[in-house]
C-alpha atoms as a PDB file:
ATOM      1  CA  MET A   1      15.864   5.485  22.757  1.00  0.00           C
ATOM      2  CA  ALA A   2      12.673   7.464  22.295  1.00  0.00           C
ATOM      3  CA  LYS A   3      10.314   7.426  25.240  1.00  0.00           C
ATOM      4  CA  LEU A   4       7.304   5.125  25.067  1.00  0.00           C
ATOM      5  CA  LEU A   5       4.062   6.855  25.958  1.00  0.00           C
ATOM      6  CA  SER A   6       2.755   3.652  27.546  1.00  0.00           C
ATOM      7  CA  ASP A   7       5.371   3.624  30.312  1.00  0.00           C
ATOM      8  CA  GLY A   8       2.845   4.305  33.051  1.00  0.00           C
ATOM      9  CA  THR A   9       3.131   8.101  32.987  1.00  0.00           C
ATOM     10  CA  ILE A  10      -0.091  10.063  33.525  1.00  0.00           C
ATOM     11  CA  TYR A  11       0.244  13.253  31.506  1.00  0.00           C
ATOM     12  CA  GLU A  12      -1.152  16.485  32.918  1.00  0.00           C
ATOM     13  CA  ALA A  13       0.153  18.567  30.013  1.00  0.00           C
ATOM     14  CA  VAL A  14       1.296  17.778  26.479  1.00  0.00           C
ATOM     15  CA  PRO A  15       5.105  17.562  26.365  1.00  0.00           C
ATOM     16  CA  GLN A  16       6.533  20.101  23.936  1.00  0.00           C
ATOM     17  CA  ASN A  17       7.907  17.449  21.585  1.00  0.00           C
ATOM     18  CA  TYR A  18       4.345  16.211  20.934  1.00  0.00           C
ATOM     19  CA  VAL A  19       2.839  19.626  20.135  1.00  0.00           C
ATOM     20  CA  MET A  20       2.126  19.742  16.420  1.00  0.00           C
ATOM     21  CA  PRO A  21       2.968  22.831  14.357  1.00  0.00           C
ATOM     22  CA  MET A  22      -0.079  25.076  14.039  1.00  0.00           C
ATOM     23  CA  GLU A  23      -0.818  24.002  10.457  1.00  0.00           C
ATOM     24  CA  LYS A  24      -0.886  20.297  11.416  1.00  0.00           C
ATOM     25  CA  ARG A  25      -3.051  20.552  14.524  1.00  0.00           C
ATOM     26  CA  PRO A  26      -6.452  18.870  14.279  1.00  0.00           C
ATOM     27  CA  GLY A  27      -8.223  21.476  16.405  1.00  0.00           C
ATOM     28  CA  ASN A  28     -11.586  20.321  17.665  1.00  0.00           C
ATOM     29  CA  VAL A  29     -12.624  16.818  16.591  1.00  0.00           C
ATOM     30  CA  ILE A  30     -15.077  17.054  13.683  1.00  0.00           C
ATOM     31  CA  PRO A  31     -18.224  14.949  14.145  1.00  0.00           C
ATOM     32  CA  ALA A  32     -19.298  12.362  11.601  1.00  0.00           C
ATOM     33  CA  TRP A  33     -21.567  14.662   9.611  1.00  0.00           C
ATOM     34  CA  GLU A  34     -21.451  12.223   6.695  1.00  0.00           C
ATOM     35  CA  ALA A  35     -21.580   8.605   7.828  1.00  0.00           C
ATOM     36  CA  ILE A  36     -19.155   6.077   6.383  1.00  0.00           C
ATOM     37  CA  PRO A  37     -21.240   3.314   4.718  1.00  0.00           C
ATOM     38  CA  VAL A  38     -22.006   0.200   6.750  1.00  0.00           C
ATOM     39  CA  VAL A  39     -22.308  -3.029   4.751  1.00  0.00           C
ATOM     40  CA  ASP A  40     -23.974  -6.142   6.134  1.00  0.00           C
ATOM     41  CA  LEU A  41     -22.086  -9.175   4.828  1.00  0.00           C
ATOM     42  CA  LYS A  42     -24.961 -11.485   5.813  1.00  0.00           C
ATOM     43  CA  GLY A  43     -22.856 -13.786   7.931  1.00  0.00           C
ATOM     44  CA  GLY A  44     -19.826 -13.562   5.647  1.00  0.00           C
ATOM     45  CA  ASN A  45     -21.390 -15.515   2.770  1.00  0.00           C
ATOM     46  CA  PRO A  46     -24.048 -13.507   0.944  1.00  0.00           C
ATOM     47  CA  ASN A  47     -25.768 -15.172  -1.996  1.00  0.00           C
ATOM     48  CA  GLY A  48     -28.549 -14.550  -4.503  1.00  0.00           C
ATOM     49  CA  GLU A  49     -30.185 -11.125  -4.337  1.00  0.00           C
ATOM     50  CA  GLU A  50     -28.325 -10.391  -1.112  1.00  0.00           C
ATOM     51  CA  LEU A  51     -25.027 -10.885  -2.957  1.00  0.00           C
ATOM     52  CA  ALA A  52     -25.947  -8.340  -5.634  1.00  0.00           C
ATOM     53  CA  THR A  53     -26.896  -5.793  -2.976  1.00  0.00           C
ATOM     54  CA  VAL A  54     -23.722  -6.340  -0.948  1.00  0.00           C
ATOM     55  CA  VAL A  55     -21.509  -6.065  -4.035  1.00  0.00           C
ATOM     56  CA  GLU A  56     -23.199  -2.849  -5.120  1.00  0.00           C
ATOM     57  CA  GLN A  57     -22.786  -1.322  -1.648  1.00  0.00           C
ATOM     58  CA  ILE A  58     -19.073  -2.205  -1.506  1.00  0.00           C
ATOM     59  CA  ILE A  59     -18.376  -0.751  -4.946  1.00  0.00           C
ATOM     60  CA  ASP A  60     -20.350   2.409  -4.195  1.00  0.00           C
ATOM     61  CA  ALA A  61     -18.489   2.878  -0.902  1.00  0.00           C
ATOM     62  CA  GLY A  62     -15.154   2.391  -2.653  1.00  0.00           C
ATOM     63  CA  LYS A  63     -15.939   4.915  -5.363  1.00  0.00           C
ATOM     64  CA  GLU A  64     -17.315   7.544  -2.956  1.00  0.00           C
ATOM     65  CA  PHE A  65     -15.322   7.162   0.259  1.00  0.00           C
ATOM     66  CA  GLY A  66     -12.599   4.533  -0.094  1.00  0.00           C
ATOM     67  CA  PHE A  67     -13.846   3.365   3.319  1.00  0.00           C
ATOM     68  CA  LEU A  68     -16.664   1.288   4.726  1.00  0.00           C
ATOM     69  CA  GLN A  69     -17.553  -0.673   7.831  1.00  0.00           C
ATOM     70  CA  VAL A  70     -18.635  -4.301   7.619  1.00  0.00           C
ATOM     71  CA  ILE A  71     -20.897  -6.126  10.048  1.00  0.00           C
ATOM     72  CA  ASN A  72     -21.967  -9.792  10.163  1.00  0.00           C
ATOM     73  CA  HIS A  73     -18.605 -10.599   8.589  1.00  0.00           C
ATOM     74  CA  GLY A  74     -18.431 -14.098  10.040  1.00  0.00           C
ATOM     75  CA  VAL A  75     -15.591 -13.587  12.551  1.00  0.00           C
ATOM     76  CA  PRO A  76     -16.773 -14.897  15.941  1.00  0.00           C
ATOM     77  CA  GLU A  77     -17.260 -12.286  18.644  1.00  0.00           C
ATOM     78  CA  ASN A  78     -15.052 -14.194  21.081  1.00  0.00           C
ATOM     79  CA  VAL A  79     -12.143 -14.086  18.583  1.00  0.00           C
ATOM     80  CA  ILE A  80     -12.442 -10.298  18.290  1.00  0.00           C
ATOM     81  CA  ASN A  81     -12.801  -9.765  22.027  1.00  0.00           C
ATOM     82  CA  GLU A  82      -9.856 -12.001  22.883  1.00  0.00           C
ATOM     83  CA  MET A  83      -7.573 -10.268  20.377  1.00  0.00           C
ATOM     84  CA  MET A  84      -8.479  -6.853  21.735  1.00  0.00           C
ATOM     85  CA  ARG A  85      -8.008  -8.071  25.302  1.00  0.00           C
ATOM     86  CA  VAL A  86      -4.459  -9.333  24.773  1.00  0.00           C
ATOM     87  CA  ALA A  87      -3.581  -6.242  22.718  1.00  0.00           C
ATOM     88  CA  GLU A  88      -4.647  -3.918  25.524  1.00  0.00           C
ATOM     89  CA  GLU A  89      -2.926  -6.115  28.070  1.00  0.00           C
ATOM     90  CA  PHE A  90       0.356  -5.936  26.148  1.00  0.00           C
ATOM     91  CA  PHE A  91       0.501  -2.158  26.468  1.00  0.00           C
ATOM     92  CA  ASP A  92      -0.512  -2.354  30.123  1.00  0.00           C
ATOM     93  CA  MET A  93       2.520  -4.512  30.925  1.00  0.00           C
ATOM     94  CA  PRO A  94       5.443  -2.968  32.841  1.00  0.00           C
ATOM     95  CA  ILE A  95       7.829  -1.075  30.587  1.00  0.00           C
ATOM     96  CA  GLU A  96      10.669  -3.549  31.164  1.00  0.00           C
ATOM     97  CA  GLU A  97       8.583  -6.374  29.687  1.00  0.00           C
ATOM     98  CA  LYS A  98       7.915  -4.394  26.490  1.00  0.00           C
ATOM     99  CA  LEU A  99      11.381  -2.958  25.875  1.00  0.00           C
ATOM    100  CA  PRO A 100      12.879  -6.141  24.361  1.00  0.00           C
ATOM    101  CA  TYR A 101      10.644  -5.488  21.329  1.00  0.00           C
ATOM    102  CA  TYR A 102      11.623  -1.825  20.967  1.00  0.00           C
ATOM    103  CA  SER A 103      13.558  -0.885  17.837  1.00  0.00           C
ATOM    104  CA  THR A 104      14.026   1.986  15.391  1.00  0.00           C
ATOM    105  CA  ASP A 105      15.010  -0.438  12.609  1.00  0.00           C
ATOM    106  CA  LEU A 106      12.144  -0.193  10.105  1.00  0.00           C
ATOM    107  CA  SER A 107      12.923  -3.646   8.705  1.00  0.00           C
ATOM    108  CA  LYS A 108      12.674  -5.445  12.052  1.00  0.00           C
ATOM    109  CA  LEU A 109       9.520  -7.381  12.932  1.00  0.00           C
ATOM    110  CA  PRO A 110       8.150  -7.653  15.513  1.00  0.00           C
ATOM    111  CA  ARG A 111       8.963  -4.050  16.338  1.00  0.00           C
ATOM    112  CA  LEU A 112       7.689  -1.832  19.123  1.00  0.00           C
ATOM    113  CA  HIS A 113       8.064   1.849  18.370  1.00  0.00           C
ATOM    114  CA  THR A 114       6.568   5.190  19.208  1.00  0.00           C
ATOM    115  CA  SER A 115       5.322   8.014  16.956  1.00  0.00           C
ATOM    116  CA  ALA A 116       5.109   7.255  13.195  1.00  0.00           C
ATOM    117  CA  PRO A 117       7.616   4.934  11.477  1.00  0.00           C
ATOM    118  CA  GLY A 118      10.899   6.728  10.920  1.00  0.00           C
ATOM    119  CA  LYS A 119       9.744   9.750  12.948  1.00  0.00           C
ATOM    120  CA  GLU A 120      10.915   8.627  16.409  1.00  0.00           C
ATOM    121  CA  HIS A 121      13.850  11.032  16.510  1.00  0.00           C
ATOM    122  CA  GLU A 122      12.252  14.081  14.915  1.00  0.00           C
ATOM    123  CA  GLU A 123      11.526  17.236  16.888  1.00  0.00           C
ATOM    124  CA  VAL A 124       7.773  16.608  16.920  1.00  0.00           C
ATOM    125  CA  SER A 125       6.417  13.130  17.655  1.00  0.00           C
ATOM    126  CA  TYR A 126       2.998  11.579  17.119  1.00  0.00           C
ATOM    127  CA  TRP A 127       0.972  10.494  20.151  1.00  0.00           C
ATOM    128  CA  ARG A 128       1.115   6.747  19.560  1.00  0.00           C
ATOM    129  CA  ASP A 129       2.915   3.556  20.520  1.00  0.00           C
ATOM    130  CA  CYS A 130       2.757   0.690  18.037  1.00  0.00           C
ATOM    131  CA  LEU A 131       3.600  -3.003  18.012  1.00  0.00           C
ATOM    132  CA  LYS A 132       4.124  -4.114  14.408  1.00  0.00           C
ATOM    133  CA  LEU A 133       4.086  -7.843  13.623  1.00  0.00           C
ATOM    134  CA  ALA A 134       4.535 -10.075  10.609  1.00  0.00           C
ATOM    135  CA  CYS A 135       1.597 -12.466  10.811  1.00  0.00           C
ATOM    136  CA  TYR A 136       1.217 -14.535   7.646  1.00  0.00           C
ATOM    137  CA  PRO A 137       2.128 -17.220   6.770  1.00  0.00           C
ATOM    138  CA  THR A 138       1.572 -17.846  10.473  1.00  0.00           C
ATOM    139  CA  GLU A 139       3.933 -20.831  10.642  1.00  0.00           C
ATOM    140  CA  ASN A 140       6.801 -18.548   9.581  1.00  0.00           C
ATOM    141  CA  PHE A 141       6.247 -15.897  12.214  1.00  0.00           C
ATOM    142  CA  MET A 142       4.321 -17.235  15.202  1.00  0.00           C
ATOM    143  CA  HIS A 143       7.536 -18.032  17.102  1.00  0.00           C
ATOM    144  CA  THR A 144       8.536 -14.332  16.907  1.00  0.00           C
ATOM    145  CA  TRP A 145       5.353 -12.995  18.531  1.00  0.00           C
ATOM    146  CA  PRO A 146       5.389 -11.843  22.165  1.00  0.00           C
ATOM    147  CA  GLU A 147       4.987 -14.639  24.719  1.00  0.00           C
ATOM    148  CA  LYS A 148       3.414 -12.170  27.133  1.00  0.00           C
ATOM    149  CA  PRO A 149       0.679 -11.525  27.892  1.00  0.00           C
ATOM    150  CA  ARG A 150      -0.417 -15.121  28.211  1.00  0.00           C
ATOM    151  CA  LYS A 151      -2.437 -16.317  25.195  1.00  0.00           C
ATOM    152  CA  PHE A 152      -1.194 -13.444  22.998  1.00  0.00           C
ATOM    153  CA  ARG A 153       0.162 -15.859  20.402  1.00  0.00           C
ATOM    154  CA  GLU A 154      -2.913 -18.061  20.515  1.00  0.00           C
ATOM    155  CA  ALA A 155      -5.265 -15.097  20.067  1.00  0.00           C
ATOM    156  CA  LEU A 156      -3.240 -13.569  17.231  1.00  0.00           C
ATOM    157  CA  LEU A 157      -3.031 -16.869  15.368  1.00  0.00           C
ATOM    158  CA  VAL A 158      -6.805 -17.319  15.260  1.00  0.00           C
ATOM    159  CA  TYR A 159      -7.466 -13.630  14.599  1.00  0.00           C
ATOM    160  CA  THR A 160      -4.997 -13.494  11.697  1.00  0.00           C
ATOM    161  CA  MET A 161      -6.621 -16.386   9.866  1.00  0.00           C
ATOM    162  CA  GLU A 162     -10.125 -14.987  10.384  1.00  0.00           C
ATOM    163  CA  VAL A 163      -9.263 -11.448   9.281  1.00  0.00           C
ATOM    164  CA  ARG A 164      -7.332 -12.622   6.244  1.00  0.00           C
ATOM    165  CA  GLY A 165     -10.425 -14.611   5.269  1.00  0.00           C
ATOM    166  CA  VAL A 166     -12.563 -11.457   5.475  1.00  0.00           C
ATOM    167  CA  ALA A 167     -10.103  -9.536   3.306  1.00  0.00           C
ATOM    168  CA  LEU A 168     -10.031 -12.233   0.628  1.00  0.00           C
ATOM    169  CA  LYS A 169     -13.847 -12.436   0.586  1.00  0.00           C
ATOM    170  CA  LEU A 170     -14.051  -8.677   0.099  1.00  0.00           C
ATOM    171  CA  LEU A 171     -11.559  -8.814  -2.768  1.00  0.00           C
ATOM    172  CA  LYS A 172     -13.679 -11.484  -4.496  1.00  0.00           C
ATOM    173  CA  LEU A 173     -16.793  -9.342  -4.024  1.00  0.00           C
ATOM    174  CA  ILE A 174     -14.931  -6.404  -5.572  1.00  0.00           C
ATOM    175  CA  CYS A 175     -14.049  -8.633  -8.530  1.00  0.00           C
ATOM    176  CA  GLU A 176     -17.742  -9.464  -8.858  1.00  0.00           C
ATOM    177  CA  GLY A 177     -18.675  -5.792  -8.847  1.00  0.00           C
ATOM    178  CA  LEU A 178     -16.031  -4.721 -11.357  1.00  0.00           C
ATOM    179  CA  ARG A 179     -16.535  -7.800 -13.583  1.00  0.00           C
ATOM    180  CA  LEU A 180     -13.009  -9.037 -13.090  1.00  0.00           C
ATOM    181  CA  ASP A 181     -12.139 -12.730 -12.920  1.00  0.00           C
ATOM    182  CA  GLU A 182     -13.091 -14.012  -9.454  1.00  0.00           C
ATOM    183  CA  GLY A 183      -9.476 -14.811  -8.593  1.00  0.00           C
ATOM    184  CA  TYR A 184      -7.943 -11.669 -10.052  1.00  0.00           C
ATOM    185  CA  PHE A 185      -6.408 -10.661  -6.707  1.00  0.00           C
ATOM    186  CA  ASP A 186      -5.239 -14.163  -5.824  1.00  0.00           C
ATOM    187  CA  GLY A 187      -1.573 -15.059  -5.980  1.00  0.00           C
ATOM    188  CA  GLU A 188       1.041 -12.305  -6.039  1.00  0.00           C
ATOM    189  CA  LEU A 189      -1.396  -9.393  -5.776  1.00  0.00           C
ATOM    190  CA  SER A 190      -2.472 -10.470  -2.275  1.00  0.00           C
ATOM    191  CA  GLY A 191       0.389 -12.836  -1.489  1.00  0.00           C
ATOM    192  CA  GLY A 192       2.777 -10.446   0.224  1.00  0.00           C
ATOM    193  CA  GLY A 193       1.871 -11.760   3.636  1.00  0.00           C
ATOM    194  CA  LEU A 194      -0.108  -9.979   6.314  1.00  0.00           C
ATOM    195  CA  VAL A 195       1.350  -7.372   8.651  1.00  0.00           C
ATOM    196  CA  THR A 196      -0.524  -6.239  11.751  1.00  0.00           C
ATOM    197  CA  SER A 197      -0.051  -2.971  13.620  1.00  0.00           C
ATOM    198  CA  VAL A 198      -1.371  -2.906  17.170  1.00  0.00           C
ATOM    199  CA  ASN A 199      -1.708   0.804  17.911  1.00  0.00           C
ATOM    200  CA  HIS A 200      -2.059   2.263  21.386  1.00  0.00           C
ATOM    201  CA  TYR A 201      -2.933   5.847  22.261  1.00  0.00           C
ATOM    202  CA  VAL A 202      -2.756   6.822  25.936  1.00  0.00           C
ATOM    203  CA  PRO A 203      -5.053   9.628  27.165  1.00  0.00           C
ATOM    204  CA  CYS A 204      -3.852  13.025  25.943  1.00  0.00           C
ATOM    205  CA  PRO A 205      -4.401  16.138  28.083  1.00  0.00           C
ATOM    206  CA  ASP A 206      -5.107  18.360  25.049  1.00  0.00           C
ATOM    207  CA  PRO A 207      -6.123  16.504  21.849  1.00  0.00           C
ATOM    208  CA  SER A 208      -6.293  19.779  19.889  1.00  0.00           C
ATOM    209  CA  LEU A 209      -2.479  19.993  19.982  1.00  0.00           C
ATOM    210  CA  THR A 210      -1.541  16.461  18.957  1.00  0.00           C
ATOM    211  CA  LEU A 211      -2.061  13.777  16.336  1.00  0.00           C
ATOM    212  CA  GLY A 212      -1.922  10.045  16.886  1.00  0.00           C
ATOM    213  CA  VAL A 213      -1.163   9.243  13.247  1.00  0.00           C
ATOM    214  CA  PRO A 214      -0.664  11.815  10.475  1.00  0.00           C
ATOM    215  CA  GLY A 215      -2.862  11.911   7.406  1.00  0.00           C
ATOM    216  CA  HIS A 216      -1.837   9.210   4.942  1.00  0.00           C
ATOM    217  CA  CYS A 217      -3.035   6.641   2.417  1.00  0.00           C
ATOM    218  CA  ASP A 218      -2.115   2.988   2.926  1.00  0.00           C
ATOM    219  CA  PRO A 219       0.419   1.717   0.353  1.00  0.00           C
ATOM    220  CA  ASN A 220      -0.921  -1.853   0.356  1.00  0.00           C
ATOM    221  CA  LEU A 221      -3.956  -3.529  -1.257  1.00  0.00           C
ATOM    222  CA  ILE A 222      -6.616  -3.621   1.481  1.00  0.00           C
ATOM    223  CA  THR A 223      -6.670  -2.915   5.225  1.00  0.00           C
ATOM    224  CA  ILE A 224      -8.948  -4.399   7.874  1.00  0.00           C
ATOM    225  CA  LEU A 225      -9.126  -2.378  11.102  1.00  0.00           C
ATOM    226  CA  LEU A 226     -10.587  -3.277  14.469  1.00  0.00           C
ATOM    227  CA  GLN A 227     -10.978   0.124  16.080  1.00  0.00           C
ATOM    228  CA  GLY A 228     -12.470  -0.813  19.435  1.00  0.00           C
ATOM    229  CA  LYS A 229     -14.921   1.383  21.317  1.00  0.00           C
ATOM    230  CA  VAL A 230     -13.115   4.752  21.400  1.00  0.00           C
ATOM    231  CA  ASN A 231     -13.385   7.421  18.698  1.00  0.00           C
ATOM    232  CA  GLY A 232     -10.231   8.516  16.931  1.00  0.00           C
ATOM    233  CA  LEU A 233     -10.253   7.511  13.258  1.00  0.00           C
ATOM    234  CA  GLN A 234     -10.957  10.286  10.754  1.00  0.00           C
ATOM    235  CA  VAL A 235     -11.240  10.120   6.960  1.00  0.00           C
ATOM    236  CA  LEU A 236     -10.718  12.975   4.517  1.00  0.00           C
ATOM    237  CA  TYR A 237     -13.911  13.365   2.499  1.00  0.00           C
ATOM    238  CA  LYS A 238     -14.625  16.331   0.232  1.00  0.00           C
ATOM    239  CA  GLU A 239     -11.822  18.291   1.928  1.00  0.00           C
ATOM    240  CA  ASN A 240     -13.282  17.722   5.404  1.00  0.00           C
ATOM    241  CA  TRP A 241     -12.129  15.332   8.118  1.00  0.00           C
ATOM    242  CA  ILE A 242     -15.039  13.155   9.232  1.00  0.00           C
ATOM    243  CA  GLY A 243     -15.109  10.783  12.178  1.00  0.00           C
ATOM    244  CA  VAL A 244     -15.663   7.048  11.754  1.00  0.00           C
ATOM    245  CA  GLU A 245     -17.924   6.089  14.625  1.00  0.00           C
ATOM    246  CA  PRO A 246     -17.062   2.766  16.298  1.00  0.00           C
ATOM    247  CA  ILE A 247     -19.633   0.000  15.812  1.00  0.00           C
ATOM    248  CA  PRO A 248     -19.339  -2.944  18.233  1.00  0.00           C
ATOM    249  CA  GLY A 249     -17.939  -5.986  16.450  1.00  0.00           C
ATOM    250  CA  ALA A 250     -17.539  -4.217  13.093  1.00  0.00           C
ATOM    251  CA  PHE A 251     -14.413  -3.988  10.969  1.00  0.00           C
ATOM    252  CA  VAL A 252     -13.403  -0.784   9.231  1.00  0.00           C
ATOM    253  CA  VAL A 253     -12.223  -1.534   5.692  1.00  0.00           C
ATOM    254  CA  ASN A 254     -10.135   0.846   3.644  1.00  0.00           C
ATOM    255  CA  PHE A 255      -8.661   0.391   0.231  1.00  0.00           C
ATOM    256  CA  GLY A 256      -4.926   0.778  -0.271  1.00  0.00           C
ATOM    257  CA  GLU A 257      -3.212   2.607  -3.087  1.00  0.00           C
ATOM    258  CA  GLN A 258      -2.540  -0.624  -4.986  1.00  0.00           C
ATOM    259  CA  LEU A 259      -6.275  -1.290  -5.234  1.00  0.00           C
ATOM    260  CA  GLU A 260      -6.857   2.232  -6.532  1.00  0.00           C
ATOM    261  CA  ILE A 261      -4.150   1.723  -9.159  1.00  0.00           C
ATOM    262  CA  ILE A 262      -5.319  -1.751 -10.207  1.00  0.00           C
ATOM    263  CA  THR A 263      -8.905  -0.482 -10.576  1.00  0.00           C
ATOM    264  CA  ASN A 264      -7.590   2.502 -12.571  1.00  0.00           C
ATOM    265  CA  GLY A 265      -8.882   4.985 -10.031  1.00  0.00           C
ATOM    266  CA  MET A 266     -12.376   3.528  -9.660  1.00  0.00           C
ATOM    267  CA  MET A 267     -11.883   2.468  -6.020  1.00  0.00           C
ATOM    268  CA  LYS A 268     -10.439   5.268  -3.923  1.00  0.00           C
ATOM    269  CA  SER A 269      -7.593   5.050  -1.455  1.00  0.00           C
ATOM    270  CA  ALA A 270      -8.649   7.738   0.988  1.00  0.00           C
ATOM    271  CA  GLU A 271      -6.400   9.758   3.248  1.00  0.00           C
ATOM    272  CA  HIS A 272      -7.033   9.083   6.931  1.00  0.00           C
ATOM    273  CA  ARG A 273      -5.550   9.921  10.326  1.00  0.00           C
ATOM    274  CA  ALA A 274      -5.936   9.254  14.047  1.00  0.00           C
ATOM    275  CA  VAL A 275      -6.710  11.933  16.620  1.00  0.00           C
ATOM    276  CA  THR A 276      -6.251  11.549  20.355  1.00  0.00           C
ATOM    277  CA  ASN A 277      -8.634  11.309  23.290  1.00  0.00           C
ATOM    278  CA  LYS A 278      -8.535  13.246  26.529  1.00  0.00           C
ATOM    279  CA  THR A 279     -10.115  10.741  28.893  1.00  0.00           C
ATOM    280  CA  ALA A 280      -9.697   7.249  27.468  1.00  0.00           C
ATOM    281  CA  SER A 281      -6.880   5.136  26.102  1.00  0.00           C
ATOM    282  CA  ARG A 282      -7.500   3.716  22.640  1.00  0.00           C
ATOM    283  CA  THR A 283      -6.201   0.497  21.115  1.00  0.00           C
ATOM    284  CA  THR A 284      -6.705  -0.442  17.466  1.00  0.00           C
ATOM    285  CA  ILE A 285      -5.584  -3.431  15.395  1.00  0.00           C
ATOM    286  CA  ALA A 286      -4.856  -2.852  11.705  1.00  0.00           C
ATOM    287  CA  SER A 287      -4.182  -5.794   9.382  1.00  0.00           C
ATOM    288  CA  PHE A 288      -2.589  -5.023   6.024  1.00  0.00           C
ATOM    289  CA  ILE A 289      -2.848  -7.290   2.961  1.00  0.00           C
ATOM    290  CA  ALA A 290      -0.214  -6.431   0.355  1.00  0.00           C
ATOM    291  CA  PRO A 291       1.201  -7.721  -2.931  1.00  0.00           C
ATOM    292  CA  THR A 292       4.524  -9.537  -3.018  1.00  0.00           C
ATOM    293  CA  MET A 293       7.444  -7.159  -3.465  1.00  0.00           C
ATOM    294  CA  ASP A 294       8.214  -8.484  -6.967  1.00  0.00           C
ATOM    295  CA  SER A 295       4.610  -8.454  -8.200  1.00  0.00           C
ATOM    296  CA  LEU A 296       3.845  -6.346 -11.261  1.00  0.00           C
ATOM    297  CA  ILE A 297       1.237  -3.671 -10.551  1.00  0.00           C
ATOM    298  CA  SER A 298      -0.785  -2.046 -13.321  1.00  0.00           C
ATOM    299  CA  PRO A 299      -4.411  -1.189 -14.083  1.00  0.00           C
ATOM    300  CA  ALA A 300      -6.466  -4.323 -14.807  1.00  0.00           C
ATOM    301  CA  PRO A 301      -6.731  -4.753 -18.610  1.00  0.00           C
ATOM    302  CA  ALA A 302     -10.480  -5.436 -18.350  1.00  0.00           C
ATOM    303  CA  LEU A 303     -10.977  -1.914 -16.961  1.00  0.00           C
ATOM    304  CA  ILE A 304      -9.036  -0.174 -19.735  1.00  0.00           C
ATOM    305  CA  ASN A 305     -10.517   1.060 -23.017  1.00  0.00           C
ATOM    306  CA  GLU A 306     -10.430   4.115 -25.269  1.00  0.00           C
ATOM    307  CA  LYS A 307     -12.622   6.086 -22.888  1.00  0.00           C
ATOM    308  CA  ASN A 308     -10.689   4.892 -19.838  1.00  0.00           C
ATOM    309  CA  PRO A 309      -6.968   4.882 -20.674  1.00  0.00           C
ATOM    310  CA  PRO A 310      -4.555   3.646 -18.001  1.00  0.00           C
ATOM    311  CA  LEU A 311      -3.968   6.331 -15.383  1.00  0.00           C
ATOM    312  CA  TYR A 312      -0.886   4.597 -13.998  1.00  0.00           C
ATOM    313  CA  ARG A 313       2.212   3.012 -15.497  1.00  0.00           C
ATOM    314  CA  SER A 314       3.270  -0.537 -14.725  1.00  0.00           C
ATOM    315  CA  PHE A 315       5.767  -1.007 -11.874  1.00  0.00           C
ATOM    316  CA  LEU A 316       6.973  -3.494  -9.294  1.00  0.00           C
ATOM    317  CA  TYR A 317       5.363  -3.153  -5.885  1.00  0.00           C
ATOM    318  CA  LYS A 318       8.792  -2.848  -4.245  1.00  0.00           C
ATOM    319  CA  GLU A 319       9.320   0.375  -6.221  1.00  0.00           C
ATOM    320  CA  PHE A 320       6.150   1.870  -4.791  1.00  0.00           C
ATOM    321  CA  PHE A 321       6.844   0.680  -1.268  1.00  0.00           C
ATOM    322  CA  ALA A 322      10.379   2.092  -1.314  1.00  0.00           C
ATOM    323  CA  SER A 323       8.989   5.469  -2.374  1.00  0.00           C
ATOM    324  CA  PHE A 324       6.354   5.281   0.361  1.00  0.00           C
ATOM    325  CA  ILE A 325       8.953   4.601   3.078  1.00  0.00           C
ATOM    326  CA  THR A 326      11.206   7.392   1.804  1.00  0.00           C
ATOM    327  CA  ASN A 327       8.340   9.886   1.821  1.00  0.00           C
ATOM    328  CA  ILE A 328       6.641   8.996   5.119  1.00  0.00           C
ATOM    329  CA  GLY A 329       4.704  12.076   6.191  1.00  0.00           C
ATOM    330  CA  ASP A 330       4.459  13.346   2.612  1.00  0.00           C
ATOM    331  CA  GLN A 331       2.659  10.466   0.910  1.00  0.00           C
ATOM    332  CA  GLU A 332       0.409  12.706  -1.155  1.00  0.00           C
ATOM    333  CA  HIS A 333       3.220  12.894  -3.692  1.00  0.00           C
ATOM    334  CA  VAL A 334       4.006   9.157  -3.787  1.00  0.00           C
ATOM    335  CA  ALA A 335       1.261   8.035  -6.187  1.00  0.00           C
ATOM    336  CA  GLU A 336       1.996  10.979  -8.502  1.00  0.00           C
ATOM    337  CA  GLY A 337       5.317   9.403  -9.405  1.00  0.00           C
ATOM    338  CA  PHE A 338       3.537   6.313 -10.759  1.00  0.00           C
ATOM    339  CA  LYS A 339       0.930   8.046 -12.881  1.00  0.00           C
ATOM    340  CA  ASN A 340       0.968   7.499 -16.616  1.00  0.00           C
ATOM    341  CA  LYS A 341       2.137  10.816 -18.047  1.00  0.00           C
ATOM    342  CA  THR A 342       0.554  10.013 -21.397  1.00  0.00           C
ATOM    343  CA  SER A 343      -2.968   9.546 -19.993  1.00  0.00           C
END
């Protein structure tokens, strides 16, 4: 079994198996010289002129960055704080209480693992522990969630429903901005459940040598991230890595590769990564909305015309996801295999 970083060890030096090859090292953390857009959702239900402004900001952020932060999203502060509290408490538990969830089986959920999925036994590991959970429909999975710490299940249940609501609202606003039918993403395109990754990064003695998560694009439709108070998330923008500064109570939203494909490249799925921190532990909670495995993915017909031919061929989501899993760590080539060669 690979060693969990959150086993209580205080590291004074980076173990050799966590030292990235020179070409993969992040070096010094790059400051946020270009701020990721922040969109005020006006309490989660914008209307009238406010709606038009919010929609425009979301579409602009998607076209330029593939990322944004949302505030006033309607999720109560106590729900966010309680979810973060139990998440941090889980990784603070004694190692023997966490080990029953440990597995290297990528199909098992819940699953506690270290490094990146499928990379636990490679020579170089990523500086991260992760608890991955199937969360929706909640009635199908709640009994599988950890019973400790106390109130973990209760907090995750409420949080899952709230965050899924935010994701669905954002998808409807995107439909508004792209002039798609309001329910275009309903059903199979967003019906593949909701998976949550609770990521934990212990303090690292030399962040210039390690990575928490390698650069990648999400294979799903849309991701909602609660990144807490500690810096670590970086987005690739114009060939530079820029930091996404934490905003109290905000969610970071990034668009998955399926959204880029369905919008025929209009909304970007941006590469992103996590760097480590020398003095503070960092816990983040990422919730992934995905299509069903048998859903047919293709550019939306309303976005296709003579001037904008389809950039991607039609395929089943399970084809894309299988390619993503096979090419973990080299995802830049995944989407290429689904491009329309005639476009």
